[in-house]
Amino acid sequence: MDGTAATVVVGTTETGEPGTAAIVTNSGTAQNAVFDFVIPRGATGPTGATGSTGATGPAGATGSTGATGATGATGATGPEGTITPAAAVPDVEATPTPDEVGTTLNALLASLRAAGFLAT
């Protein structure tokens, strides 16, 4: 030996298939070793205990509207209402005065109120 110290470093480490042997190879030299490892993966262990329930996530988007349901049966016809005719209002002359138009309009409105067509 000439007194030069040897070096050893770890090169790569890979996972091998379960049940295979571990392998160590020197990808360097005898004086400057680089050890590469292949370590087999262990067998799958038993399933662990169930953990606690996590927080509720955000609500999802609203789905589309479903189809319209069938139409229900037609209900009974209600009672007939009573129609009270409004009192007659005379026609306005061909060239009425503003007072005549106002009087005729007020008479028409009073007639419609009396017949129940306008609120009082």
PDB file of N, CA and C in Angstrom:
ATOM      1  N   MET A   1       0.843  -1.175   0.000  1.00  0.00           N
ATOM      2  CA  MET A   1       0.000   0.000   0.000  1.00  0.00           C
ATOM      3  C   MET A   1       0.883   1.230   0.000  1.00  0.00           C
ATOM      4  N   ASP A   2       0.357   2.202  -0.647  1.00  0.00           N
ATOM      5  CA  ASP A   2       1.160   3.417  -0.734  1.00  0.00           C
ATOM      6  C   ASP A   2       0.722   4.477   0.259  1.00  0.00           C
ATOM      7  N   GLY A   3      -0.270   4.222   1.145  1.00  0.00           N
ATOM      8  CA  GLY A   3      -0.665   5.154   2.185  1.00  0.00           C
ATOM      9  C   GLY A   3      -1.824   6.050   1.821  1.00  0.00           C
ATOM     10  N   THR A   4      -2.376   5.912   0.631  1.00  0.00           N
ATOM     11  CA  THR A   4      -3.527   6.732   0.262  1.00  0.00           C
ATOM     12  C   THR A   4      -4.769   6.100   0.857  1.00  0.00           C
ATOM     13  N   ALA A   5      -5.575   6.929   1.558  1.00  0.00           N
ATOM     14  CA  ALA A   5      -6.786   6.404   2.214  1.00  0.00           C
ATOM     15  C   ALA A   5      -7.870   6.132   1.176  1.00  0.00           C
ATOM     16  N   ALA A   6      -8.603   5.057   1.371  1.00  0.00           N
ATOM     17  CA  ALA A   6      -9.725   4.724   0.495  1.00  0.00           C
ATOM     18  C   ALA A   6     -10.938   5.530   0.935  1.00  0.00           C
ATOM     19  N   THR A   7     -11.889   5.754  -0.013  1.00  0.00           N
ATOM     20  CA  THR A   7     -13.143   6.445   0.323  1.00  0.00           C
ATOM     21  C   THR A   7     -14.297   5.513   0.039  1.00  0.00           C
ATOM     22  N   VAL A   8     -15.353   5.706   0.837  1.00  0.00           N
ATOM     23  CA  VAL A   8     -16.583   4.932   0.640  1.00  0.00           C
ATOM     24  C   VAL A   8     -17.736   5.919   0.716  1.00  0.00           C
ATOM     25  N   VAL A   9     -18.579   5.961  -0.313  1.00  0.00           N
ATOM     26  CA  VAL A   9     -19.773   6.817  -0.311  1.00  0.00           C
ATOM     27  C   VAL A   9     -20.962   5.976  -0.743  1.00  0.00           C
ATOM     28  N   VAL A  10     -22.160   6.446  -0.331  1.00  0.00           N
ATOM     29  CA  VAL A  10     -23.386   5.773  -0.746  1.00  0.00           C
ATOM     30  C   VAL A  10     -23.808   6.367  -2.079  1.00  0.00           C
ATOM     31  N   GLY A  11     -24.094   5.495  -3.026  1.00  0.00           N
ATOM     32  CA  GLY A  11     -24.542   5.928  -4.355  1.00  0.00           C
ATOM     33  C   GLY A  11     -26.067   5.991  -4.396  1.00  0.00           C
ATOM     34  N   THR A  12     -26.689   5.031  -5.040  1.00  0.00           N
ATOM     35  CA  THR A  12     -28.141   5.017  -5.172  1.00  0.00           C
ATOM     36  C   THR A  12     -28.740   4.019  -4.211  1.00  0.00           C
ATOM     37  N   THR A  13     -30.019   4.251  -3.882  1.00  0.00           N
ATOM     38  CA  THR A  13     -30.769   3.297  -3.073  1.00  0.00           C
ATOM     39  C   THR A  13     -32.092   3.081  -3.783  1.00  0.00           C
ATOM     40  N   GLU A  14     -32.409   1.841  -4.099  1.00  0.00           N
ATOM     41  CA  GLU A  14     -33.642   1.506  -4.795  1.00  0.00           C
ATOM     42  C   GLU A  14     -34.418   0.493  -3.983  1.00  0.00           C
ATOM     43  N   THR A  15     -35.731   0.431  -4.262  1.00  0.00           N
ATOM     44  CA  THR A  15     -36.586  -0.551  -3.596  1.00  0.00           C
ATOM     45  C   THR A  15     -36.798  -1.715  -4.544  1.00  0.00           C
ATOM     46  N   GLY A  16     -36.486  -2.916  -4.062  1.00  0.00           N
ATOM     47  CA  GLY A  16     -36.680  -4.124  -4.866  1.00  0.00           C
ATOM     48  C   GLY A  16     -38.033  -4.754  -4.569  1.00  0.00           C
ATOM     49  N   GLU A  17     -38.343  -5.810  -5.274  1.00  0.00           N
ATOM     50  CA  GLU A  17     -39.618  -6.524  -5.093  1.00  0.00           C
ATOM     51  C   GLU A  17     -39.598  -7.305  -3.788  1.00  0.00           C
ATOM     52  N   PRO A  18     -40.775  -7.459  -3.158  1.00  0.00           N
ATOM     53  CA  PRO A  18     -40.836  -8.232  -1.917  1.00  0.00           C
ATOM     54  C   PRO A  18     -40.334  -9.666  -2.143  1.00  0.00           C
ATOM     55  N   GLY A  19     -39.656 -10.200  -1.157  1.00  0.00           N
ATOM     56  CA  GLY A  19     -39.184 -11.586  -1.225  1.00  0.00           C
ATOM     57  C   GLY A  19     -37.855 -11.757  -1.925  1.00  0.00           C
ATOM     58  N   THR A  20     -37.280 -10.695  -2.530  1.00  0.00           N
ATOM     59  CA  THR A  20     -35.970 -10.809  -3.182  1.00  0.00           C
ATOM     60  C   THR A  20     -34.885 -10.467  -2.172  1.00  0.00           C
ATOM     61  N   ALA A  21     -33.657 -10.824  -2.493  1.00  0.00           N
ATOM     62  CA  ALA A  21     -32.530 -10.562  -1.595  1.00  0.00           C
ATOM     63  C   ALA A  21     -32.063  -9.124  -1.725  1.00  0.00           C
ATOM     64  N   ALA A  22     -31.511  -8.575  -0.632  1.00  0.00           N
ATOM     65  CA  ALA A  22     -30.903  -7.252  -0.678  1.00  0.00           C
ATOM     66  C   ALA A  22     -29.618  -7.336  -1.484  1.00  0.00           C
ATOM     67  N   ILE A  23     -29.309  -6.274  -2.235  1.00  0.00           N
ATOM     68  CA  ILE A  23     -28.109  -6.275  -3.090  1.00  0.00           C
ATOM     69  C   ILE A  23     -27.318  -4.999  -2.819  1.00  0.00           C
ATOM     70  N   VAL A  24     -25.990  -5.141  -2.692  1.00  0.00           N
ATOM     71  CA  VAL A  24     -25.096  -3.994  -2.589  1.00  0.00           C
ATOM     72  C   VAL A  24     -24.028  -4.193  -3.655  1.00  0.00           C
ATOM     73  N   THR A  25     -23.872  -3.202  -4.519  1.00  0.00           N
ATOM     74  CA  THR A  25     -22.839  -3.277  -5.568  1.00  0.00           C
ATOM     75  C   THR A  25     -21.965  -2.039  -5.475  1.00  0.00           C
ATOM     76  N   ASN A  26     -20.717  -2.182  -5.890  1.00  0.00           N
ATOM     77  CA  ASN A  26     -19.777  -1.071  -5.899  1.00  0.00           C
ATOM     78  C   ASN A  26     -19.702  -0.564  -7.329  1.00  0.00           C
ATOM     79  N   SER A  27     -20.259   0.645  -7.558  1.00  0.00           N
ATOM     80  CA  SER A  27     -20.180   1.214  -8.901  1.00  0.00           C
ATOM     81  C   SER A  27     -18.958   2.117  -9.042  1.00  0.00           C
ATOM     82  N   GLY A  28     -18.119   2.159  -7.992  1.00  0.00           N
ATOM     83  CA  GLY A  28     -16.883   2.952  -8.038  1.00  0.00           C
ATOM     84  C   GLY A  28     -15.689   2.028  -8.252  1.00  0.00           C
ATOM     85  N   THR A  29     -14.591   2.317  -7.576  1.00  0.00           N
ATOM     86  CA  THR A  29     -13.359   1.522  -7.682  1.00  0.00           C
ATOM     87  C   THR A  29     -13.026   0.954  -6.311  1.00  0.00           C
ATOM     88  N   ALA A  30     -11.998   0.132  -6.237  1.00  0.00           N
ATOM     89  CA  ALA A  30     -11.583  -0.437  -4.955  1.00  0.00           C
ATOM     90  C   ALA A  30     -11.063   0.666  -4.042  1.00  0.00           C
ATOM     91  N   GLN A  31     -10.445   1.702  -4.593  1.00  0.00           N
ATOM     92  CA  GLN A  31      -9.890   2.805  -3.809  1.00  0.00           C
ATOM     93  C   GLN A  31     -10.954   3.856  -3.484  1.00  0.00           C
ATOM     94  N   ASN A  32     -11.946   4.080  -4.378  1.00  0.00           N
ATOM     95  CA  ASN A  32     -13.014   5.075  -4.203  1.00  0.00           C
ATOM     96  C   ASN A  32     -14.357   4.370  -4.428  1.00  0.00           C
ATOM     97  N   ALA A  33     -14.815   3.663  -3.402  1.00  0.00           N
ATOM     98  CA  ALA A  33     -16.016   2.835  -3.523  1.00  0.00           C
ATOM     99  C   ALA A  33     -17.272   3.700  -3.508  1.00  0.00           C
ATOM    100  N   VAL A  34     -18.236   3.322  -4.370  1.00  0.00           N
ATOM    101  CA  VAL A  34     -19.567   3.933  -4.388  1.00  0.00           C
ATOM    102  C   VAL A  34     -20.538   2.766  -4.273  1.00  0.00           C
ATOM    103  N   PHE A  35     -21.174   2.643  -3.111  1.00  0.00           N
ATOM    104  CA  PHE A  35     -22.065   1.514  -2.871  1.00  0.00           C
ATOM    105  C   PHE A  35     -23.492   1.872  -3.284  1.00  0.00           C
ATOM    106  N   ASP A  36     -24.067   1.056  -4.152  1.00  0.00           N
ATOM    107  CA  ASP A  36     -25.454   1.186  -4.590  1.00  0.00           C
ATOM    108  C   ASP A  36     -26.239   0.065  -3.932  1.00  0.00           C
ATOM    109  N   PHE A  37     -27.405   0.420  -3.340  1.00  0.00           N
ATOM    110  CA  PHE A  37     -28.208  -0.533  -2.578  1.00  0.00           C
ATOM    111  C   PHE A  37     -29.541  -0.801  -3.267  1.00  0.00           C
ATOM    112  N   VAL A  38     -29.971  -2.070  -3.223  1.00  0.00           N
ATOM    113  CA  VAL A  38     -31.327  -2.465  -3.611  1.00  0.00           C
ATOM    114  C   VAL A  38     -31.877  -3.204  -2.399  1.00  0.00           C
ATOM    115  N   ILE A  39     -32.895  -2.595  -1.757  1.00  0.00           N
ATOM    116  CA  ILE A  39     -33.497  -3.159  -0.546  1.00  0.00           C
ATOM    117  C   ILE A  39     -34.912  -3.608  -0.901  1.00  0.00           C
ATOM    118  N   PRO A  40     -35.259  -4.880  -0.667  1.00  0.00           N
ATOM    119  CA  PRO A  40     -36.605  -5.330  -1.034  1.00  0.00           C
ATOM    120  C   PRO A  40     -37.690  -4.689  -0.167  1.00  0.00           C
ATOM    121  N   ARG A  41     -38.790  -4.420  -0.814  1.00  0.00           N
ATOM    122  CA  ARG A  41     -39.950  -3.879  -0.103  1.00  0.00           C
ATOM    123  C   ARG A  41     -40.525  -4.976   0.783  1.00  0.00           C
ATOM    124  N   GLY A  42     -40.942  -4.602   1.987  1.00  0.00           N
ATOM    125  CA  GLY A  42     -41.532  -5.560   2.911  1.00  0.00           C
ATOM    126  C   GLY A  42     -42.963  -5.902   2.511  1.00  0.00           C
ATOM    127  N   ALA A  43     -43.487  -6.935   3.136  1.00  0.00           N
ATOM    128  CA  ALA A  43     -44.871  -7.346   2.875  1.00  0.00           C
ATOM    129  C   ALA A  43     -45.833  -6.281   3.417  1.00  0.00           C
ATOM    130  N   THR A  44     -46.990  -6.207   2.828  1.00  0.00           N
ATOM    131  CA  THR A  44     -48.004  -5.262   3.286  1.00  0.00           C
ATOM    132  C   THR A  44     -48.481  -5.665   4.666  1.00  0.00           C
ATOM    133  N   GLY A  45     -48.528  -4.700   5.556  1.00  0.00           N
ATOM    134  CA  GLY A  45     -48.960  -4.954   6.921  1.00  0.00           C
ATOM    135  C   GLY A  45     -50.473  -4.981   7.024  1.00  0.00           C
ATOM    136  N   PRO A  46     -50.986  -5.304   8.207  1.00  0.00           N
ATOM    137  CA  PRO A  46     -52.433  -5.355   8.395  1.00  0.00           C
ATOM    138  C   PRO A  46     -53.030  -3.941   8.326  1.00  0.00           C
ATOM    139  N   THR A  47     -54.298  -3.888   8.003  1.00  0.00           N
ATOM    140  CA  THR A  47     -55.000  -2.607   7.936  1.00  0.00           C
ATOM    141  C   THR A  47     -55.103  -2.022   9.329  1.00  0.00           C
ATOM    142  N   GLY A  48     -54.814  -0.744   9.432  1.00  0.00           N
ATOM    143  CA  GLY A  48     -54.880  -0.066  10.719  1.00  0.00           C
ATOM    144  C   GLY A  48     -56.325   0.283  11.088  1.00  0.00           C
ATOM    145  N   ALA A  49     -56.481   0.785  12.311  1.00  0.00           N
ATOM    146  CA  ALA A  49     -57.805   1.182  12.809  1.00  0.00           C
ATOM    147  C   ALA A  49     -58.323   2.366  12.003  1.00  0.00           C
ATOM    148  N   THR A  50     -59.632   2.456  11.908  1.00  0.00           N
ATOM    149  CA  THR A  50     -60.259   3.563  11.189  1.00  0.00           C
ATOM    150  C   THR A  50     -60.046   4.847  11.965  1.00  0.00           C
ATOM    151  N   GLY A  51     -59.634   5.878  11.270  1.00  0.00           N
ATOM    152  CA  GLY A  51     -59.413   7.171  11.902  1.00  0.00           C
ATOM    153  C   GLY A  51     -60.725   7.908  12.119  1.00  0.00           C
ATOM    154  N   SER A  52     -60.654   9.024  12.811  1.00  0.00           N
ATOM    155  CA  SER A  52     -61.857   9.819  13.069  1.00  0.00           C
ATOM    156  C   SER A  52     -62.325  10.488  11.780  1.00  0.00           C
ATOM    157  N   THR A  53     -63.592  10.816  11.757  1.00  0.00           N
ATOM    158  CA  THR A  53     -64.175  11.455  10.576  1.00  0.00           C
ATOM    159  C   THR A  53     -63.642  12.868  10.445  1.00  0.00           C
ATOM    160  N   GLY A  54     -63.275  13.228   9.241  1.00  0.00           N
ATOM    161  CA  GLY A  54     -62.767  14.572   8.975  1.00  0.00           C
ATOM    162  C   GLY A  54     -63.890  15.589   8.885  1.00  0.00           C
ATOM    163  N   ALA A  55     -63.517  16.847   8.735  1.00  0.00           N
ATOM    164  CA  ALA A  55     -64.489  17.938   8.627  1.00  0.00           C
ATOM    165  C   ALA A  55     -65.303  17.788   7.344  1.00  0.00           C
ATOM    166  N   THR A  56     -66.532  18.271   7.379  1.00  0.00           N
ATOM    167  CA  THR A  56     -67.394  18.237   6.206  1.00  0.00           C
ATOM    168  C   THR A  56     -66.858  19.197   5.160  1.00  0.00           C
ATOM    169  N   GLY A  57     -66.807  18.757   3.939  1.00  0.00           N
ATOM    170  CA  GLY A  57     -66.327  19.595   2.847  1.00  0.00           C
ATOM    171  C   GLY A  57     -67.403  20.567   2.389  1.00  0.00           C
ATOM    172  N   PRO A  58     -67.064  21.456   1.469  1.00  0.00           N
ATOM    173  CA  PRO A  58     -68.035  22.442   0.987  1.00  0.00           C
ATOM    174  C   PRO A  58     -69.155  21.764   0.194  1.00  0.00           C
ATOM    175  N   ALA A  59     -70.308  22.405   0.160  1.00  0.00           N
ATOM    176  CA  ALA A  59     -71.451  21.875  -0.585  1.00  0.00           C
ATOM    177  C   ALA A  59     -71.154  21.922  -2.077  1.00  0.00           C
ATOM    178  N   GLY A  60     -71.605  20.923  -2.778  1.00  0.00           N
ATOM    179  CA  GLY A  60     -71.436  20.892  -4.228  1.00  0.00           C
ATOM    180  C   GLY A  60     -72.440  21.790  -4.931  1.00  0.00           C
ATOM    181  N   ALA A  61     -72.299  21.904  -6.212  1.00  0.00           N
ATOM    182  CA  ALA A  61     -73.199  22.732  -7.024  1.00  0.00           C
ATOM    183  C   ALA A  61     -74.592  22.125  -7.042  1.00  0.00           C
ATOM    184  N   THR A  62     -75.598  22.974  -7.179  1.00  0.00           N
ATOM    185  CA  THR A  62     -76.981  22.520  -7.258  1.00  0.00           C
ATOM    186  C   THR A  62     -77.189  21.780  -8.576  1.00  0.00           C
ATOM    187  N   GLY A  63     -77.845  20.650  -8.485  1.00  0.00           N
ATOM    188  CA  GLY A  63     -78.112  19.859  -9.682  1.00  0.00           C
ATOM    189  C   GLY A  63     -79.198  20.482 -10.537  1.00  0.00           C
ATOM    190  N   SER A  64     -79.403  19.935 -11.700  1.00  0.00           N
ATOM    191  CA  SER A  64     -80.416  20.464 -12.611  1.00  0.00           C
ATOM    192  C   SER A  64     -81.810  20.132 -12.098  1.00  0.00           C
ATOM    193  N   THR A  65     -82.786  20.912 -12.527  1.00  0.00           N
ATOM    194  CA  THR A  65     -84.173  20.719 -12.114  1.00  0.00           C
ATOM    195  C   THR A  65     -84.723  19.461 -12.764  1.00  0.00           C
ATOM    196  N   GLY A  66     -85.445  18.702 -11.978  1.00  0.00           N
ATOM    197  CA  GLY A  66     -86.026  17.460 -12.492  1.00  0.00           C
ATOM    198  C   GLY A  66     -87.223  17.729 -13.390  1.00  0.00           C
ATOM    199  N   ALA A  67     -87.749  16.668 -13.953  1.00  0.00           N
ATOM    200  CA  ALA A  67     -88.887  16.774 -14.865  1.00  0.00           C
ATOM    201  C   ALA A  67     -90.124  17.231 -14.098  1.00  0.00           C
ATOM    202  N   THR A  68     -91.037  17.889 -14.794  1.00  0.00           N
ATOM    203  CA  THR A  68     -92.294  18.339 -14.206  1.00  0.00           C
ATOM    204  C   THR A  68     -93.182  17.132 -13.959  1.00  0.00           C
ATOM    205  N   GLY A  69     -93.807  17.118 -12.804  1.00  0.00           N
ATOM    206  CA  GLY A  69     -94.694  16.016 -12.456  1.00  0.00           C
ATOM    207  C   GLY A  69     -95.989  16.069 -13.251  1.00  0.00           C
ATOM    208  N   ALA A  70     -96.778  15.021 -13.097  1.00  0.00           N
ATOM    209  CA  ALA A  70     -98.047  14.926 -13.813  1.00  0.00           C
ATOM    210  C   ALA A  70     -99.017  15.994 -13.312  1.00  0.00           C
ATOM    211  N   THR A  71     -99.915  16.448 -14.189  1.00  0.00           N
ATOM    212  CA  THR A  71    -100.927  17.434 -13.820  1.00  0.00           C
ATOM    213  C   THR A  71    -101.975  16.769 -12.947  1.00  0.00           C
ATOM    214  N   GLY A  72    -102.356  17.458 -11.888  1.00  0.00           N
ATOM    215  CA  GLY A  72    -103.364  16.926 -10.978  1.00  0.00           C
ATOM    216  C   GLY A  72    -104.758  17.010 -11.583  1.00  0.00           C
ATOM    217  N   ALA A  73    -105.702  16.397 -10.888  1.00  0.00           N
ATOM    218  CA  ALA A  73    -107.095  16.382 -11.356  1.00  0.00           C
ATOM    219  C   ALA A  73    -107.663  17.790 -11.305  1.00  0.00           C
ATOM    220  N   THR A  74    -108.609  18.078 -12.199  1.00  0.00           N
ATOM    221  CA  THR A  74    -109.271  19.378 -12.230  1.00  0.00           C
ATOM    222  C   THR A  74    -110.260  19.460 -11.079  1.00  0.00           C
ATOM    223  N   GLY A  75    -110.224  20.565 -10.376  1.00  0.00           N
ATOM    224  CA  GLY A  75    -111.126  20.761  -9.246  1.00  0.00           C
ATOM    225  C   GLY A  75    -112.533  21.100  -9.703  1.00  0.00           C
ATOM    226  N   ALA A  76    -113.438  21.117  -8.741  1.00  0.00           N
ATOM    227  CA  ALA A  76    -114.841  21.426  -9.035  1.00  0.00           C
ATOM    228  C   ALA A  76    -114.975  22.879  -9.458  1.00  0.00           C
ATOM    229  N   THR A  77    -115.976  23.141 -10.286  1.00  0.00           N
ATOM    230  CA  THR A  77    -116.248  24.504 -10.727  1.00  0.00           C
ATOM    231  C   THR A  77    -116.934  25.256  -9.596  1.00  0.00           C
ATOM    232  N   GLY A  78    -116.503  26.466  -9.367  1.00  0.00           N
ATOM    233  CA  GLY A  78    -117.074  27.282  -8.305  1.00  0.00           C
ATOM    234  C   GLY A  78    -118.444  27.827  -8.690  1.00  0.00           C
ATOM    235  N   PRO A  79    -119.134  28.441  -7.722  1.00  0.00           N
ATOM    236  CA  PRO A  79    -120.476  28.968  -7.989  1.00  0.00           C
ATOM    237  C   PRO A  79    -120.427  30.151  -8.947  1.00  0.00           C
ATOM    238  N   GLU A  80    -121.515  30.361  -9.656  1.00  0.00           N
ATOM    239  CA  GLU A  80    -121.599  31.499 -10.565  1.00  0.00           C
ATOM    240  C   GLU A  80    -121.783  32.766  -9.771  1.00  0.00           C
ATOM    241  N   GLY A  81    -121.139  33.827 -10.252  1.00  0.00           N
ATOM    242  CA  GLY A  81    -121.311  35.112  -9.601  1.00  0.00           C
ATOM    243  C   GLY A  81    -122.523  35.836 -10.170  1.00  0.00           C
ATOM    244  N   THR A  82    -123.000  36.819  -9.432  1.00  0.00           N
ATOM    245  CA  THR A  82    -124.127  37.629  -9.868  1.00  0.00           C
ATOM    246  C   THR A  82    -123.596  38.914 -10.453  1.00  0.00           C
ATOM    247  N   ILE A  83    -124.036  39.215 -11.652  1.00  0.00           N
ATOM    248  CA  ILE A  83    -123.621  40.463 -12.300  1.00  0.00           C
ATOM    249  C   ILE A  83    -124.770  41.452 -12.190  1.00  0.00           C
ATOM    250  N   THR A  84    -124.445  42.580 -11.589  1.00  0.00           N
ATOM    251  CA  THR A  84    -125.435  43.647 -11.477  1.00  0.00           C
ATOM    252  C   THR A  84    -125.125  44.668 -12.550  1.00  0.00           C
ATOM    253  N   PRO A  85    -126.054  44.887 -13.471  1.00  0.00           N
ATOM    254  CA  PRO A  85    -125.761  45.866 -14.525  1.00  0.00           C
ATOM    255  C   PRO A  85    -125.630  47.270 -13.938  1.00  0.00           C
ATOM    256  N   ALA A  86    -124.734  48.026 -14.525  1.00  0.00           N
ATOM    257  CA  ALA A  86    -124.571  49.421 -14.109  1.00  0.00           C
ATOM    258  C   ALA A  86    -125.691  50.251 -14.715  1.00  0.00           C
ATOM    259  N   ALA A  87    -126.022  51.326 -14.039  1.00  0.00           N
ATOM    260  CA  ALA A  87    -127.069  52.223 -14.543  1.00  0.00           C
ATOM    261  C   ALA A  87    -126.611  52.867 -15.840  1.00  0.00           C
ATOM    262  N   ALA A  88    -127.554  53.122 -16.697  1.00  0.00           N
ATOM    263  CA  ALA A  88    -127.254  53.759 -17.985  1.00  0.00           C
ATOM    264  C   ALA A  88    -126.794  55.193 -17.763  1.00  0.00           C
ATOM    265  N   VAL A  89    -125.841  55.626 -18.562  1.00  0.00           N
ATOM    266  CA  VAL A  89    -125.352  56.999 -18.531  1.00  0.00           C
ATOM    267  C   VAL A  89    -125.578  57.548 -19.932  1.00  0.00           C
ATOM    268  N   PRO A  90    -126.242  58.710 -20.055  1.00  0.00           N
ATOM    269  CA  PRO A  90    -126.530  59.248 -21.392  1.00  0.00           C
ATOM    270  C   PRO A  90    -125.251  59.619 -22.136  1.00  0.00           C
ATOM    271  N   ASP A  91    -125.274  59.496 -23.458  1.00  0.00           N
ATOM    272  CA  ASP A  91    -124.149  59.889 -24.298  1.00  0.00           C
ATOM    273  C   ASP A  91    -123.933  61.395 -24.216  1.00  0.00           C
ATOM    274  N   VAL A  92    -122.711  61.809 -24.455  1.00  0.00           N
ATOM    275  CA  VAL A  92    -122.372  63.227 -24.478  1.00  0.00           C
ATOM    276  C   VAL A  92    -122.746  63.758 -25.858  1.00  0.00           C
ATOM    277  N   GLU A  93    -123.239  65.001 -25.901  1.00  0.00           N
ATOM    278  CA  GLU A  93    -123.604  65.632 -27.175  1.00  0.00           C
ATOM    279  C   GLU A  93    -122.379  65.749 -28.077  1.00  0.00           C
ATOM    280  N   ALA A  94    -122.596  66.075 -29.326  1.00  0.00           N
ATOM    281  CA  ALA A  94    -121.521  66.133 -30.318  1.00  0.00           C
ATOM    282  C   ALA A  94    -120.441  67.137 -29.940  1.00  0.00           C
ATOM    283  N   THR A  95    -120.784  68.256 -29.384  1.00  0.00           N
ATOM    284  CA  THR A  95    -119.788  69.253 -28.974  1.00  0.00           C
ATOM    285  C   THR A  95    -120.071  69.646 -27.529  1.00  0.00           C
ATOM    286  N   PRO A  96    -119.680  68.768 -26.581  1.00  0.00           N
ATOM    287  CA  PRO A  96    -119.992  69.046 -25.188  1.00  0.00           C
ATOM    288  C   PRO A  96    -119.084  70.130 -24.611  1.00  0.00           C
ATOM    289  N   THR A  97    -119.532  70.737 -23.584  1.00  0.00           N
ATOM    290  CA  THR A  97    -118.706  71.690 -22.842  1.00  0.00           C
ATOM    291  C   THR A  97    -117.872  70.884 -21.853  1.00  0.00           C
ATOM    292  N   PRO A  98    -116.818  71.470 -21.349  1.00  0.00           N
ATOM    293  CA  PRO A  98    -116.029  70.762 -20.342  1.00  0.00           C
ATOM    294  C   PRO A  98    -116.852  70.368 -19.128  1.00  0.00           C
ATOM    295  N   ASP A  99    -117.806  71.170 -18.725  1.00  0.00           N
ATOM    296  CA  ASP A  99    -118.654  70.821 -17.584  1.00  0.00           C
ATOM    297  C   ASP A  99    -119.497  69.594 -17.892  1.00  0.00           C
ATOM    298  N   GLU A 100    -120.019  69.491 -19.127  1.00  0.00           N
ATOM    299  CA  GLU A 100    -120.838  68.340 -19.510  1.00  0.00           C
ATOM    300  C   GLU A 100    -119.994  67.062 -19.514  1.00  0.00           C
ATOM    301  N   VAL A 101    -118.770  67.165 -19.993  1.00  0.00           N
ATOM    302  CA  VAL A 101    -117.877  65.989 -19.995  1.00  0.00           C
ATOM    303  C   VAL A 101    -117.607  65.558 -18.558  1.00  0.00           C
ATOM    304  N   GLY A 102    -117.317  66.490 -17.661  1.00  0.00           N
ATOM    305  CA  GLY A 102    -117.057  66.169 -16.266  1.00  0.00           C
ATOM    306  C   GLY A 102    -118.271  65.555 -15.598  1.00  0.00           C
ATOM    307  N   THR A 103    -119.445  66.083 -15.840  1.00  0.00           N
ATOM    308  CA  THR A 103    -120.671  65.569 -15.248  1.00  0.00           C
ATOM    309  C   THR A 103    -120.945  64.151 -15.743  1.00  0.00           C
ATOM    310  N   THR A 104    -120.798  63.925 -17.054  1.00  0.00           N
ATOM    311  CA  THR A 104    -121.047  62.603 -17.619  1.00  0.00           C
ATOM    312  C   THR A 104    -120.030  61.586 -17.093  1.00  0.00           C
ATOM    313  N   LEU A 105    -118.783  61.988 -16.965  1.00  0.00           N
ATOM    314  CA  LEU A 105    -117.759  61.093 -16.452  1.00  0.00           C
ATOM    315  C   LEU A 105    -118.057  60.728 -14.994  1.00  0.00           C
ATOM    316  N   ASN A 106    -118.417  61.691 -14.196  1.00  0.00           N
ATOM    317  CA  ASN A 106    -118.742  61.408 -12.800  1.00  0.00           C
ATOM    318  C   ASN A 106    -119.954  60.493 -12.693  1.00  0.00           C
ATOM    319  N   ALA A 107    -120.945  60.663 -13.564  1.00  0.00           N
ATOM    320  CA  ALA A 107    -122.127  59.797 -13.553  1.00  0.00           C
ATOM    321  C   ALA A 107    -121.731  58.370 -13.917  1.00  0.00           C
ATOM    322  N   LEU A 108    -120.853  58.218 -14.911  1.00  0.00           N
ATOM    323  CA  LEU A 108    -120.390  56.892 -15.321  1.00  0.00           C
ATOM    324  C   LEU A 108    -119.628  56.209 -14.175  1.00  0.00           C
ATOM    325  N   LEU A 109    -118.719  56.936 -13.516  1.00  0.00           N
ATOM    326  CA  LEU A 109    -117.963  56.355 -12.401  1.00  0.00           C
ATOM    327  C   LEU A 109    -118.892  55.955 -11.267  1.00  0.00           C
ATOM    328  N   ALA A 110    -119.894  56.774 -10.945  1.00  0.00           N
ATOM    329  CA  ALA A 110    -120.843  56.455  -9.877  1.00  0.00           C
ATOM    330  C   ALA A 110    -121.640  55.212 -10.232  1.00  0.00           C
ATOM    331  N   SER A 111    -122.007  55.062 -11.499  1.00  0.00           N
ATOM    332  CA  SER A 111    -122.752  53.894 -11.936  1.00  0.00           C
ATOM    333  C   SER A 111    -121.909  52.614 -11.794  1.00  0.00           C
ATOM    334  N   LEU A 112    -120.634  52.698 -12.184  1.00  0.00           N
ATOM    335  CA  LEU A 112    -119.743  51.536 -12.095  1.00  0.00           C
ATOM    336  C   LEU A 112    -119.483  51.151 -10.625  1.00  0.00           C
ATOM    337  N   ARG A 113    -119.392  52.152  -9.750  1.00  0.00           N
ATOM    338  CA  ARG A 113    -119.198  51.860  -8.329  1.00  0.00           C
ATOM    339  C   ARG A 113    -120.438  51.185  -7.753  1.00  0.00           C
ATOM    340  N   ALA A 114    -121.594  51.705  -8.112  1.00  0.00           N
ATOM    341  CA  ALA A 114    -122.838  51.138  -7.601  1.00  0.00           C
ATOM    342  C   ALA A 114    -123.017  49.689  -8.053  1.00  0.00           C
ATOM    343  N   ALA A 115    -122.516  49.350  -9.250  1.00  0.00           N
ATOM    344  CA  ALA A 115    -122.643  47.999  -9.754  1.00  0.00           C
ATOM    345  C   ALA A 115    -121.551  47.081  -9.213  1.00  0.00           C
ATOM    346  N   GLY A 116    -120.585  47.622  -8.467  1.00  0.00           N
ATOM    347  CA  GLY A 116    -119.540  46.805  -7.878  1.00  0.00           C
ATOM    348  C   GLY A 116    -118.333  46.598  -8.779  1.00  0.00           C
ATOM    349  N   PHE A 117    -118.252  47.348  -9.884  1.00  0.00           N
ATOM    350  CA  PHE A 117    -117.102  47.191 -10.772  1.00  0.00           C
ATOM    351  C   PHE A 117    -115.918  48.056 -10.347  1.00  0.00           C
ATOM    352  N   LEU A 118    -116.179  49.104  -9.569  1.00  0.00           N
ATOM    353  CA  LEU A 118    -115.105  49.946  -9.055  1.00  0.00           C
ATOM    354  C   LEU A 118    -115.232  50.028  -7.551  1.00  0.00           C
ATOM    355  N   ALA A 119    -114.103  50.094  -6.895  1.00  0.00           N
ATOM    356  CA  ALA A 119    -114.131  50.218  -5.437  1.00  0.00           C
ATOM    357  C   ALA A 119    -114.606  51.616  -5.073  1.00  0.00           C
ATOM    358  N   THR A 120    -115.228  51.710  -3.939  1.00  0.00           N
ATOM    359  CA  THR A 120    -115.717  53.031  -3.486  1.00  0.00           C
ATOM    360  C   THR A 120    -114.689  53.701  -2.618  1.00  0.00           C
TER     361      THR A 120
END
